């Protein structure tokens, strides 16, 4: 069973890959709360702006990661 934040990521996945591929993001309460180059950076931004909330942090894959050469 997916959490609300996981569902939000699933719904917005294509947009996230297009805009933030190769970068880390944090999602909390169905909202993008931080974007950065490292997990640590994103966690720090999230904790500062959203104290007491544990965000879902992940590395967004790049579009090229989905390409398959036949």
Protein backbone atom coordinates (compact mmCIF):
# COMPACT_ATOMS: atom_id res chain seq x y z
CA UNK A 1 0.00 0.00 0.00
CA UNK A 2 1.39 3.39 -0.99
CA UNK A 3 1.48 6.44 1.24
CA UNK A 4 -0.11 9.72 0.09
CA UNK A 5 3.35 11.10 -0.73
CA UNK A 6 4.25 8.01 -2.76
CA UNK A 7 0.98 8.38 -4.69
CA UNK A 8 1.78 12.06 -5.29
CA UNK A 9 5.19 11.12 -6.70
CA UNK A 10 3.61 8.45 -8.89
CA UNK A 11 1.05 10.94 -10.25
CA UNK A 12 3.72 13.59 -10.97
CA UNK A 13 6.55 11.25 -11.95
CA UNK A 14 6.91 12.33 -15.59
CA UNK A 15 7.01 15.98 -14.62
CA UNK A 16 9.55 15.28 -11.86
CA UNK A 17 11.82 13.38 -14.28
CA UNK A 18 11.58 16.19 -16.83
CA UNK A 19 12.30 18.99 -14.36
CA UNK A 20 14.48 17.37 -11.69
CA UNK A 21 16.10 14.31 -13.29
CA UNK A 22 19.42 13.50 -11.62
CA UNK A 23 18.62 15.56 -8.53
CA UNK A 24 17.21 14.72 -5.12
CA UNK A 25 13.73 15.80 -4.09
CA UNK A 26 11.78 15.76 -0.85
CA UNK A 27 8.01 15.41 -0.70
CA UNK A 28 5.91 16.01 2.40
CA UNK A 29 2.15 16.27 2.73
CA UNK A 30 1.75 15.74 -1.03
CA UNK A 31 3.95 18.74 -1.82
CA UNK A 32 7.45 19.13 -3.25
CA UNK A 33 9.33 20.75 -0.37
CA UNK A 34 12.98 20.64 -1.48
CA UNK A 35 15.23 20.00 -4.47
CA UNK A 36 19.00 19.62 -4.33
CA UNK A 37 22.15 17.91 -5.50
CA UNK A 38 22.51 15.62 -2.47
CA UNK A 39 20.29 13.73 -0.03
CA UNK A 40 21.87 15.63 2.85
CA UNK A 41 21.12 19.02 1.26
CA UNK A 42 17.48 18.10 0.65
CA UNK A 43 17.02 16.70 4.15
CA UNK A 44 18.53 19.86 5.67
CA UNK A 45 16.24 22.14 3.63
CA UNK A 46 13.22 20.01 4.52
CA UNK A 47 13.93 19.97 8.24
CA UNK A 48 14.44 23.74 8.30
CA UNK A 49 11.25 24.56 6.39
CA UNK A 50 9.08 21.76 7.75
CA UNK A 51 10.16 20.94 11.31
CA UNK A 52 8.60 17.83 12.77
CA UNK A 53 7.73 16.35 9.37
CA UNK A 54 9.66 13.42 7.93
CA UNK A 55 9.75 13.93 4.15
CA UNK A 56 10.04 11.24 1.52
CA UNK A 57 13.44 11.81 -0.14
CA UNK A 58 14.51 10.24 -3.41
CA UNK A 59 16.86 10.61 -6.33
CA UNK A 60 14.81 11.34 -9.45
CA UNK A 61 16.08 9.32 -12.40
CA UNK A 62 17.15 11.09 -15.59
CA UNK A 63 15.10 10.62 -18.76
CA UNK A 64 18.04 8.89 -20.44
CA UNK A 65 17.89 6.20 -17.73
CA UNK A 66 14.65 5.02 -19.30
CA UNK A 67 15.92 4.79 -22.87
CA UNK A 68 16.45 1.33 -24.26
CA UNK A 69 18.54 0.60 -27.33
CA UNK A 70 17.14 -2.25 -29.36
